[in-house]
C-alpha atoms as a PDB file:
ATOM      1  CA  MET A   1     112.850  66.270  81.848  1.00  0.00           C
ATOM      2  CA  LYS A   2     109.807  68.059  80.714  1.00  0.00           C
ATOM      3  CA  LEU A   3     109.336  71.431  82.104  1.00  0.00           C
ATOM      4  CA  ASP A   4     106.279  71.130  84.162  1.00  0.00           C
ATOM      5  CA  PHE A   5     104.288  74.059  85.860  1.00  0.00           C
ATOM      6  CA  THR A   6     101.348  72.026  87.284  1.00  0.00           C
ATOM      7  CA  ASP A   7      99.896  73.727  90.203  1.00  0.00           C
ATOM      8  CA  GLN A   8     101.975  76.745  89.682  1.00  0.00           C
ATOM      9  CA  VAL A   9     100.644  80.225  89.458  1.00  0.00           C
ATOM     10  CA  ALA A  10     101.879  82.785  86.925  1.00  0.00           C
ATOM     11  CA  ILE A  11     101.311  86.436  86.122  1.00  0.00           C
ATOM     12  CA  VAL A  12     102.063  87.404  82.543  1.00  0.00           C
ATOM     13  CA  THR A  13     101.833  91.421  81.807  1.00  0.00           C
ATOM     14  CA  GLY A  14     101.260  92.714  78.343  1.00  0.00           C
ATOM     15  CA  ALA A  15      99.821  89.277  77.373  1.00  0.00           C
ATOM     16  CA  GLY A  16      96.827  90.199  75.326  1.00  0.00           C
ATOM     17  CA  GLY A  17      98.868  89.604  71.994  1.00  0.00           C
ATOM     18  CA  GLY A  18     102.180  88.705  70.538  1.00  0.00           C
ATOM     19  CA  LEU A  19     104.883  87.577  72.844  1.00  0.00           C
ATOM     20  CA  GLY A  20     102.927  87.891  75.969  1.00  0.00           C
ATOM     21  CA  ARG A  21     100.134  85.736  74.723  1.00  0.00           C
ATOM     22  CA  ALA A  22     102.602  83.174  73.589  1.00  0.00           C
ATOM     23  CA  HIS A  23     104.020  83.165  77.189  1.00  0.00           C
ATOM     24  CA  ALA A  24     100.597  82.955  78.743  1.00  0.00           C
ATOM     25  CA  MET A  25      99.388  80.060  76.554  1.00  0.00           C
ATOM     26  CA  ALA A  26     102.789  77.934  77.022  1.00  0.00           C
ATOM     27  CA  LEU A  27     102.655  78.241  80.933  1.00  0.00           C
ATOM     28  CA  ALA A  28      98.826  77.185  80.769  1.00  0.00           C
ATOM     29  CA  ALA A  29      99.372  74.398  78.376  1.00  0.00           C
ATOM     30  CA  ARG A  30     102.166  73.086  80.871  1.00  0.00           C
ATOM     31  CA  GLY A  31      99.827  73.356  83.758  1.00  0.00           C
ATOM     32  CA  ALA A  32      99.999  76.610  85.549  1.00  0.00           C
ATOM     33  CA  ARG A  33      97.200  78.744  86.344  1.00  0.00           C
ATOM     34  CA  VAL A  34      97.788  82.279  84.564  1.00  0.00           C
ATOM     35  CA  LEU A  35      96.682  85.679  85.229  1.00  0.00           C
ATOM     36  CA  VAL A  36      96.747  87.411  81.758  1.00  0.00           C
ATOM     37  CA  ASN A  37      97.364  91.106  82.025  1.00  0.00           C
ATOM     38  CA  ASP A  38      96.881  93.574  79.368  1.00  0.00           C
ATOM     39  CA  LEU A  39      95.733  97.296  79.494  1.00  0.00           C
ATOM     40  CA  ALA A  40      91.918  97.641  79.521  1.00  0.00           C
ATOM     41  CA  GLY A  41      90.187  99.255  76.391  1.00  0.00           C
ATOM     42  CA  ALA A  42      88.418 102.802  76.656  1.00  0.00           C
ATOM     43  CA  ASP A  43      85.467 101.010  78.416  1.00  0.00           C
ATOM     44  CA  GLY A  44      87.637  99.755  81.319  1.00  0.00           C
ATOM     45  CA  LEU A  45      87.139  95.958  80.164  1.00  0.00           C
ATOM     46  CA  PRO A  46      90.045  93.873  79.456  1.00  0.00           C
ATOM     47  CA  HIS A  47      89.180  92.601  76.137  1.00  0.00           C
ATOM     48  CA  THR A  48      92.395  91.490  74.789  1.00  0.00           C
ATOM     49  CA  ALA A  49      93.488  89.852  77.891  1.00  0.00           C
ATOM     50  CA  GLN A  50      89.947  87.924  78.274  1.00  0.00           C
ATOM     51  CA  ALA A  51      90.329  86.758  74.688  1.00  0.00           C
ATOM     52  CA  VAL A  52      93.615  85.068  75.569  1.00  0.00           C
ATOM     53  CA  VAL A  53      91.879  83.940  78.664  1.00  0.00           C
ATOM     54  CA  ASP A  54      89.102  82.337  76.609  1.00  0.00           C
ATOM     55  CA  GLU A  55      91.732  80.344  74.479  1.00  0.00           C
ATOM     56  CA  ILE A  56      93.394  79.005  77.450  1.00  0.00           C
ATOM     57  CA  LEU A  57      89.934  77.928  79.229  1.00  0.00           C
ATOM     58  CA  ALA A  58      88.903  76.452  75.687  1.00  0.00           C
ATOM     59  CA  ALA A  59      92.171  74.388  75.660  1.00  0.00           C
ATOM     60  CA  GLY A  60      91.476  73.119  79.158  1.00  0.00           C
ATOM     61  CA  GLY A  61      93.623  75.356  81.139  1.00  0.00           C
ATOM     62  CA  GLN A  62      93.023  77.719  84.072  1.00  0.00           C
ATOM     63  CA  ALA A  63      93.200  81.662  83.600  1.00  0.00           C
ATOM     64  CA  MET A  64      91.634  84.963  84.554  1.00  0.00           C
ATOM     65  CA  ALA A  65      92.169  88.485  82.887  1.00  0.00           C
ATOM     66  CA  SER A  66      93.002  91.561  84.225  1.00  0.00           C
ATOM     67  CA  GLY A  67      92.988  95.040  82.623  1.00  0.00           C
ATOM     68  CA  THR A  68      95.220  96.693  85.094  1.00  0.00           C
ATOM     69  CA  SER A  69      97.943  99.386  83.832  1.00  0.00           C
ATOM     70  CA  VAL A  70     101.327  98.219  85.190  1.00  0.00           C
ATOM     71  CA  THR A  71     102.030 102.012  85.738  1.00  0.00           C
ATOM     72  CA  ASP A  72      99.513 102.197  88.632  1.00  0.00           C
ATOM     73  CA  ALA A  73     101.093 100.548  91.620  1.00  0.00           C
ATOM     74  CA  ALA A  74      97.883 100.461  93.641  1.00  0.00           C
ATOM     75  CA  ALA A  75      96.032  98.845  90.832  1.00  0.00           C
ATOM     76  CA  VAL A  76      98.986  96.142  90.350  1.00  0.00           C
ATOM     77  CA  SER A  77      98.805  95.500  94.227  1.00  0.00           C
ATOM     78  CA  ALA A  78      95.095  95.004  93.946  1.00  0.00           C
ATOM     79  CA  MET A  79      95.601  92.733  90.733  1.00  0.00           C
ATOM     80  CA  VAL A  80      98.071  90.476  93.042  1.00  0.00           C
ATOM     81  CA  THR A  81      95.472  90.358  95.802  1.00  0.00           C
ATOM     82  CA  GLN A  82      92.980  89.131  93.211  1.00  0.00           C
ATOM     83  CA  VAL A  83      95.325  86.321  92.227  1.00  0.00           C
ATOM     84  CA  MET A  84      96.024  85.392  95.789  1.00  0.00           C
ATOM     85  CA  ALA A  85      92.349  85.207  96.799  1.00  0.00           C
ATOM     86  CA  ALA A  86      91.803  82.982  93.778  1.00  0.00           C
ATOM     87  CA  TRP A  87      94.793  80.770  93.793  1.00  0.00           C
ATOM     88  CA  GLY A  88      96.517  81.498  97.326  1.00  0.00           C
ATOM     89  CA  ARG A  89     100.135  81.879  95.657  1.00  0.00           C
ATOM     90  CA  VAL A  90     102.396  83.403  93.086  1.00  0.00           C
ATOM     91  CA  ASP A  91     105.098  81.526  91.691  1.00  0.00           C
ATOM     92  CA  ILE A  92     106.089  83.038  88.395  1.00  0.00           C
ATOM     93  CA  LEU A  93     105.886  86.705  87.076  1.00  0.00           C
ATOM     94  CA  VAL A  94     106.937  87.566  83.490  1.00  0.00           C
ATOM     95  CA  ASN A  95     107.281  91.353  83.338  1.00  0.00           C
ATOM     96  CA  ASN A  96     106.453  91.515  79.403  1.00  0.00           C
ATOM     97  CA  ALA A  97     104.277  94.751  79.174  1.00  0.00           C
ATOM     98  CA  GLY A  98     105.851  97.209  76.953  1.00  0.00           C
ATOM     99  CA  ILE A  99     105.270 100.152  74.303  1.00  0.00           C
ATOM    100  CA  LEU A 100     107.333 101.710  71.844  1.00  0.00           C
ATOM    101  CA  ARG A 101     107.698 105.544  71.119  1.00  0.00           C
ATOM    102  CA  ASP A 102     110.500 105.534  68.574  1.00  0.00           C
ATOM    103  CA  LYS A 103     112.108 108.808  67.478  1.00  0.00           C
ATOM    104  CA  SER A 104     115.814 110.102  67.193  1.00  0.00           C
ATOM    105  CA  PHE A 105     116.972 111.632  70.341  1.00  0.00           C
ATOM    106  CA  ALA A 106     117.054 115.108  68.945  1.00  0.00           C
ATOM    107  CA  LYS A 107     113.355 114.941  68.007  1.00  0.00           C
ATOM    108  CA  MET A 108     112.280 112.917  70.905  1.00  0.00           C
ATOM    109  CA  THR A 109     109.783 114.624  73.610  1.00  0.00           C
ATOM    110  CA  MET A 110     110.549 114.029  77.309  1.00  0.00           C
ATOM    111  CA  ASP A 111     106.992 113.158  77.551  1.00  0.00           C
ATOM    112  CA  ASP A 112     107.461 110.150  75.226  1.00  0.00           C
ATOM    113  CA  PHE A 113     110.823 109.318  77.163  1.00  0.00           C
ATOM    114  CA  ARG A 114     109.162 109.068  80.592  1.00  0.00           C
ATOM    115  CA  LEU A 115     106.177 107.209  79.279  1.00  0.00           C
ATOM    116  CA  VAL A 116     108.449 104.376  77.890  1.00  0.00           C
ATOM    117  CA  ILE A 117     110.484 104.281  81.207  1.00  0.00           C
ATOM    118  CA  GLU A 118     106.927 104.268  83.226  1.00  0.00           C
ATOM    119  CA  VAL A 119     105.547 101.298  81.256  1.00  0.00           C
ATOM    120  CA  HIS A 120     108.745  99.209  80.932  1.00  0.00           C
ATOM    121  CA  LEU A 121     110.804 100.035  83.988  1.00  0.00           C
ATOM    122  CA  MET A 122     108.428 101.040  86.590  1.00  0.00           C
ATOM    123  CA  GLY A 123     105.834  98.595  85.408  1.00  0.00           C
ATOM    124  CA  ALA A 124     108.142  95.946  86.226  1.00  0.00           C
ATOM    125  CA  VAL A 125     109.184  97.494  89.618  1.00  0.00           C
ATOM    126  CA  HIS A 126     105.501  97.798  90.583  1.00  0.00           C
ATOM    127  CA  CYS A 127     104.767  94.241  89.597  1.00  0.00           C
ATOM    128  CA  SER A 128     107.935  92.697  91.222  1.00  0.00           C
ATOM    129  CA  GLN A 129     107.438  94.757  94.371  1.00  0.00           C
ATOM    130  CA  ALA A 130     103.880  93.474  94.769  1.00  0.00           C
ATOM    131  CA  VAL A 131     104.718  89.754  94.421  1.00  0.00           C
ATOM    132  CA  TRP A 132     108.006  90.035  96.485  1.00  0.00           C
ATOM    133  CA  PRO A 133     106.716  89.619  99.984  1.00  0.00           C
ATOM    134  CA  ILE A 134     104.382  86.595  98.576  1.00  0.00           C
ATOM    135  CA  MET A 135     107.615  84.906  96.904  1.00  0.00           C
ATOM    136  CA  THR A 136     109.771  85.527  99.979  1.00  0.00           C
ATOM    137  CA  ALA A 137     107.170  84.010 102.482  1.00  0.00           C
ATOM    138  CA  GLN A 138     106.840  80.989  99.999  1.00  0.00           C
ATOM    139  CA  LYS A 139     110.717  80.618  99.901  1.00  0.00           C
ATOM    140  CA  TYR A 140     110.112  80.199  96.091  1.00  0.00           C
ATOM    141  CA  GLY A 141     109.494  82.560  93.038  1.00  0.00           C
ATOM    142  CA  ARG A 142     110.707  83.150  89.559  1.00  0.00           C
ATOM    143  CA  ILE A 143     110.711  86.673  87.931  1.00  0.00           C
ATOM    144  CA  VAL A 144     111.439  87.165  84.258  1.00  0.00           C
ATOM    145  CA  MET A 145     112.250  90.615  82.996  1.00  0.00           C
ATOM    146  CA  THR A 146     112.190  91.391  79.531  1.00  0.00           C
ATOM    147  CA  THR A 147     115.006  93.363  78.339  1.00  0.00           C
ATOM    148  CA  SER A 148     116.245  93.858  74.626  1.00  0.00           C
ATOM    149  CA  SER A 149     119.038  94.035  72.355  1.00  0.00           C
ATOM    150  CA  SER A 150     118.371  97.783  72.078  1.00  0.00           C
ATOM    151  CA  GLY A 151     119.200  98.101  75.688  1.00  0.00           C
ATOM    152  CA  LEU A 152     122.220  95.675  75.588  1.00  0.00           C
ATOM    153  CA  TYR A 153     123.704  96.979  72.514  1.00  0.00           C
ATOM    154  CA  GLY A 154     121.688 100.144  71.408  1.00  0.00           C
ATOM    155  CA  ASN A 155     119.492 100.777  68.327  1.00  0.00           C
ATOM    156  CA  PHE A 156     118.902 104.020  66.439  1.00  0.00           C
ATOM    157  CA  GLY A 157     115.837 106.046  67.349  1.00  0.00           C
ATOM    158  CA  GLN A 158     115.152 103.977  70.738  1.00  0.00           C
ATOM    159  CA  ALA A 159     117.101 106.167  73.272  1.00  0.00           C
ATOM    160  CA  ASN A 160     114.132 105.821  75.595  1.00  0.00           C
ATOM    161  CA  TYR A 161     113.405 102.083  74.859  1.00  0.00           C
ATOM    162  CA  GLY A 162     116.915 101.274  75.110  1.00  0.00           C
ATOM    163  CA  ALA A 163     117.320 103.036  78.658  1.00  0.00           C
ATOM    164  CA  ALA A 164     114.410 101.325  79.867  1.00  0.00           C
ATOM    165  CA  LYS A 165     115.455  97.959  78.854  1.00  0.00           C
ATOM    166  CA  MET A 166     119.179  98.311  80.076  1.00  0.00           C
ATOM    167  CA  ALA A 167     117.545  99.488  83.443  1.00  0.00           C
ATOM    168  CA  LEU A 168     115.575  96.265  83.759  1.00  0.00           C
ATOM    169  CA  VAL A 169     119.107  94.400  83.532  1.00  0.00           C
ATOM    170  CA  GLY A 170     120.236  96.537  86.432  1.00  0.00           C
ATOM    171  CA  LEU A 171     117.128  95.685  88.404  1.00  0.00           C
ATOM    172  CA  MET A 172     117.506  92.146  87.749  1.00  0.00           C
ATOM    173  CA  GLN A 173     121.169  92.351  88.839  1.00  0.00           C
ATOM    174  CA  THR A 174     120.324  93.383  92.163  1.00  0.00           C
ATOM    175  CA  LEU A 175     116.864  91.562  92.839  1.00  0.00           C
ATOM    176  CA  SER A 176     118.736  88.067  91.853  1.00  0.00           C
ATOM    177  CA  ILE A 177     121.142  88.914  94.758  1.00  0.00           C
ATOM    178  CA  GLU A 178     118.695  89.911  97.366  1.00  0.00           C
ATOM    179  CA  GLY A 179     116.193  87.207  96.436  1.00  0.00           C
ATOM    180  CA  ALA A 180     118.593  84.135  96.302  1.00  0.00           C
ATOM    181  CA  LYS A 181     118.247  83.605 100.129  1.00  0.00           C
ATOM    182  CA  SER A 182     114.429  83.156  99.753  1.00  0.00           C
ATOM    183  CA  GLY A 183     114.456  80.988  96.843  1.00  0.00           C
ATOM    184  CA  ILE A 184     113.554  83.816  94.450  1.00  0.00           C
ATOM    185  CA  ARG A 185     115.280  83.782  91.002  1.00  0.00           C
ATOM    186  CA  VAL A 186     115.563  86.735  88.797  1.00  0.00           C
ATOM    187  CA  ASN A 187     116.658  86.792  84.935  1.00  0.00           C
ATOM    188  CA  CYS A 188     116.339  88.581  81.900  1.00  0.00           C
ATOM    189  CA  LEU A 189     114.956  87.576  78.632  1.00  0.00           C
ATOM    190  CA  ALA A 190     116.211  89.604  75.513  1.00  0.00           C
ATOM    191  CA  PRO A 191     113.717  88.407  72.882  1.00  0.00           C
ATOM    192  CA  THR A 192     113.820  88.858  69.019  1.00  0.00           C
ATOM    193  CA  ALA A 193     110.189  88.506  67.912  1.00  0.00           C
ATOM    194  CA  ALA A 194     107.817  90.083  65.545  1.00  0.00           C
ATOM    195  CA  THR A 195     104.915  91.565  67.187  1.00  0.00           C
ATOM    196  CA  ALA A 196     102.345  94.248  66.416  1.00  0.00           C
ATOM    197  CA  MET A 197     105.073  96.683  67.414  1.00  0.00           C
ATOM    198  CA  THR A 198     107.390  95.477  64.559  1.00  0.00           C
ATOM    199  CA  GLU A 199     104.824  94.624  61.924  1.00  0.00           C
ATOM    200  CA  GLY A 200     105.490  96.355  58.757  1.00  0.00           C
ATOM    201  CA  LEU A 201     109.245  96.969  59.416  1.00  0.00           C
ATOM    202  CA  LEU A 202     110.459  93.682  58.554  1.00  0.00           C
ATOM    203  CA  PRO A 203     110.115  91.474  55.320  1.00  0.00           C
ATOM    204  CA  PRO A 204     107.793  88.536  55.393  1.00  0.00           C
ATOM    205  CA  GLU A 205     110.432  85.844  55.381  1.00  0.00           C
ATOM    206  CA  VAL A 206     111.872  87.366  58.376  1.00  0.00           C
ATOM    207  CA  LEU A 207     108.517  87.916  59.988  1.00  0.00           C
ATOM    208  CA  ALA A 208     108.006  84.113  59.620  1.00  0.00           C
ATOM    209  CA  ALA A 209     111.169  83.247  61.374  1.00  0.00           C
ATOM    210  CA  LEU A 210     110.568  85.591  64.177  1.00  0.00           C
ATOM    211  CA  ARG A 211     107.314  84.245  65.422  1.00  0.00           C
ATOM    212  CA  PRO A 212     106.826  84.960  69.177  1.00  0.00           C
ATOM    213  CA  GLU A 213     106.474  81.201  69.845  1.00  0.00           C
ATOM    214  CA  ALA A 214     110.117  80.699  68.803  1.00  0.00           C
ATOM    215  CA  VAL A 215     111.044  82.917  72.140  1.00  0.00           C
ATOM    216  CA  VAL A 216     109.129  80.978  74.593  1.00  0.00           C
ATOM    217  CA  PRO A 217     111.320  78.069  75.289  1.00  0.00           C
ATOM    218  CA  ALA A 218     113.796  80.625  76.772  1.00  0.00           C
ATOM    219  CA  MET A 219     110.947  82.129  79.001  1.00  0.00           C
ATOM    220  CA  LEU A 220     109.931  78.529  80.263  1.00  0.00           C
ATOM    221  CA  TRP A 221     113.521  77.872  81.245  1.00  0.00           C
ATOM    222  CA  LEU A 222     114.123  81.103  83.113  1.00  0.00           C
ATOM    223  CA  ALA A 223     110.561  80.507  84.877  1.00  0.00           C
ATOM    224  CA  CYS A 224     111.167  76.741  85.826  1.00  0.00           C
ATOM    225  CA  SER A 225     112.111  75.296  89.004  1.00  0.00           C
ATOM    226  CA  ASP A 226     115.537  74.625  87.834  1.00  0.00           C
ATOM    227  CA  ALA A 227     116.065  78.134  86.221  1.00  0.00           C
ATOM    228  CA  PRO A 228     119.439  79.927  86.596  1.00  0.00           C
ATOM    229  CA  ASN A 229     119.641  83.138  88.541  1.00  0.00           C
ATOM    230  CA  ARG A 230     121.188  86.285  87.351  1.00  0.00           C
ATOM    231  CA  THR A 231     121.123  85.396  83.617  1.00  0.00           C
ATOM    232  CA  ILE A 232     120.655  87.351  80.466  1.00  0.00           C
ATOM    233  CA  ALA A 233     119.042  84.846  77.878  1.00  0.00           C
ATOM    234  CA  CYS A 234     118.670  85.840  74.358  1.00  0.00           C
ATOM    235  CA  ALA A 235     116.304  84.287  72.036  1.00  0.00           C
ATOM    236  CA  GLY A 236     114.577  84.536  68.459  1.00  0.00           C
ATOM    237  CA  ALA A 237     113.908  82.470  65.448  1.00  0.00           C
ATOM    238  CA  GLY A 238     114.743  79.280  67.233  1.00  0.00           C
ATOM    239  CA  THR A 239     118.060  80.486  68.309  1.00  0.00           C
ATOM    240  CA  PHE A 240     119.279  80.997  71.722  1.00  0.00           C
ATOM    241  CA  GLU A 241     122.290  83.040  73.296  1.00  0.00           C
ATOM    242  CA  ALA A 242     123.427  84.502  76.576  1.00  0.00           C
ATOM    243  CA  ALA A 243     124.524  87.887  77.142  1.00  0.00           C
ATOM    244  CA  HIS A 244     127.137  88.965  79.683  1.00  0.00           C
ATOM    245  CA  ILE A 245     128.126  92.014  81.303  1.00  0.00           C
ATOM    246  CA  THR A 246     131.925  91.712  81.789  1.00  0.00           C
ATOM    247  CA  LEU A 247     135.080  93.117  83.540  1.00  0.00           C
ATOM    248  CA  THR A 248     138.581  93.127  82.015  1.00  0.00           C
ATOM    249  CA  THR A 249     141.499  92.557  84.232  1.00  0.00           C
ATOM    250  CA  GLY A 250     142.406  96.223  83.632  1.00  0.00           C
ATOM    251  CA  LEU A 251     145.674  97.850  84.409  1.00  0.00           C
ATOM    252  CA  HIS A 252     146.852  99.874  87.432  1.00  0.00           C
ATOM    253  CA  LEU A 253     148.284 103.145  86.764  1.00  0.00           C
ATOM    254  CA  GLY A 254     148.157 105.147  90.099  1.00  0.00           C
ATOM    255  CA  MET A 255     147.408 108.606  90.467  1.00  0.00           C
ATOM    256  CA  GLY A 256     150.205 110.741  89.061  1.00  0.00           C
ATOM    257  CA  PRO A 257     149.887 113.868  87.178  1.00  0.00           C
ATOM    258  CA  ASP A 258     150.237 112.207  83.688  1.00  0.00           C
ATOM    259  CA  VAL A 259     147.931 109.355  84.184  1.00  0.00           C
ATOM    260  CA  PRO A 260     145.288 110.672  81.851  1.00  0.00           C
ATOM    261  CA  GLU A 261     148.241 110.467  79.176  1.00  0.00           C
ATOM    262  CA  GLN A 262     149.146 107.194  80.190  1.00  0.00           C
ATOM    263  CA  LEU A 263     145.518 105.892  80.053  1.00  0.00           C
ATOM    264  CA  ALA A 264     145.036 107.056  76.470  1.00  0.00           C
ATOM    265  CA  ALA A 265     148.445 105.283  75.463  1.00  0.00           C
ATOM    266  CA  ALA A 266     147.465 102.081  77.700  1.00  0.00           C
ATOM    267  CA  TRP A 267     143.901 101.948  76.576  1.00  0.00           C
ATOM    268  CA  PRO A 268     144.455  98.762  74.517  1.00  0.00           C
ATOM    269  CA  ARG A 269     145.762  97.057  77.430  1.00  0.00           C
ATOM    270  CA  VAL A 270     143.118  98.157  79.787  1.00  0.00           C
ATOM    271  CA  SER A 271     140.470  96.863  77.526  1.00  0.00           C
ATOM    272  CA  GLU A 272     141.973  93.624  76.576  1.00  0.00           C
ATOM    273  CA  ARG A 273     139.488  91.208  77.161  1.00  0.00           C
ATOM    274  CA  GLN A 274     141.524  88.038  77.848  1.00  0.00           C
ATOM    275  CA  GLY A 275     141.110  87.255  81.398  1.00  0.00           C
ATOM    276  CA  GLU A 276     137.895  89.089  81.702  1.00  0.00           C
ATOM    277  CA  GLN A 277     135.402  87.992  84.412  1.00  0.00           C
ATOM    278  CA  VAL A 278     131.544  88.308  85.047  1.00  0.00           C
ATOM    279  CA  PRO A 279     131.531  89.686  88.455  1.00  0.00           C
ATOM    280  CA  GLY A 280     129.199  88.230  90.840  1.00  0.00           C
ATOM    281  CA  SER A 281     128.215  91.575  92.128  1.00  0.00           C
ATOM    282  CA  GLY A 282     129.090  95.343  91.628  1.00  0.00           C
ATOM    283  CA  ALA A 283     131.755  94.827  94.604  1.00  0.00           C
ATOM    284  CA  ALA A 284     133.920  93.001  92.139  1.00  0.00           C
ATOM    285  CA  GLN A 285     134.916  96.262  90.416  1.00  0.00           C
ATOM    286  CA  GLY A 286     136.250  97.919  93.386  1.00  0.00           C
ATOM    287  CA  GLY A 287     137.911  94.850  94.701  1.00  0.00           C
ATOM    288  CA  ASN A 288     139.986  94.403  91.699  1.00  0.00           C
ATOM    289  CA  GLU A 289     140.989  98.006  91.508  1.00  0.00           C
ATOM    290  CA  VAL A 290     142.035  98.053  95.262  1.00  0.00           C
ATOM    291  CA  THR A 291     143.721  94.678  95.008  1.00  0.00           C
ATOM    292  CA  GLN A 292     145.922  96.006  92.045  1.00  0.00           C
ATOM    293  CA  ALA A 293     146.553  99.351  93.902  1.00  0.00           C
ATOM    294  CA  LEU A 294     147.690  97.606  97.197  1.00  0.00           C
ATOM    295  CA  ALA A 295     149.955  95.107  94.883  1.00  0.00           C
ATOM    296  CA  ALA A 296     151.527  98.124  93.303  1.00  0.00           C
ATOM    297  CA  ARG A 297     152.654  99.630  96.633  1.00  0.00           C
ATOM    298  CA  ARG A 298     154.603  96.417  97.637  1.00  0.00           C
END
C-alpha cells in the first residue's frame, strides 16, 4: 500500500534546506499541501522557504512559505492561522527546526545552551501547542518530533543539543498518551543525515551515503494515517532502527540501613536486561516497585 497524503495539510519547520527540505518535497510529491517554514533573512523575507515552495509548485504541488521563528510563540500561532485560512486544516506537523552550538560543556556559554533549548525544544512546544486544538477538533493529527542519537546516547561537545533532543523524547512520550483519545499520534525521528550543519565534518563517501533523502521514508511512515504511536524511529543511509527506553525487572532490597551496600553488591542483578519492559507510561516504574515491595511482605 502506497503512503498517500492527498488532501492532507502538513507543516514542516526548518524546511529551507537539508532534511526539512527533503521532508517537505516528499510530502508534497505524495499529495500533501505543505507550509514550508524556515527562518526569514535579515530583510524579513522567507527566501530559503520560498525557494523550496517554488520547487514544489514547479513540480505541480501546493505549498506556501513562512519565515516565522519557531521560538516566537505568537508568530507560530499566526503561522498556523495562516495555514487554516488557506487550507482549513492541519494534519501533519514535522518539528524539524534546529541549530547547533557545539562546544565542550566546560567551555559552553549558558547563552548557547539556552538558545539551543529554545529552538529545538521550545520551538517544538510552540508549534505543537498551536496545532493541538485543531488536531483535537479534527480527531486526527500526526506530530513528528526530531530527536537525535546525541540525545539518546550522548555525543562529546553537544550537551546543549543532546539535552534538547532528549527533552523532545519526553515531550513525545506524554503528548502521545494525551493525544491518543483524539486520534493524534506523536512519534520521534532520530535521523542521521548530512546537512549544512555537518558539512566538512565527514568524508565524501560517508556524506554520499547520508543523504537527507535516505531518512525521509521514516518520516513518511511516522506521519501517515497508519503511523504508530509513541515510537522512536532511527534512520540513516537507508537503514532503519527503533530505539526504546526500557525498565528492568529490578530487585527488591527493602529499606534497611545496609541497603546502599546491598545495592552496590547487587547492581548486576538490578541492571540485568532479561525480562525488561518498555513501559506504557511512567506509572509502570512505580507499579513495579510497589508490587515487589508488597510481595516481599507476604
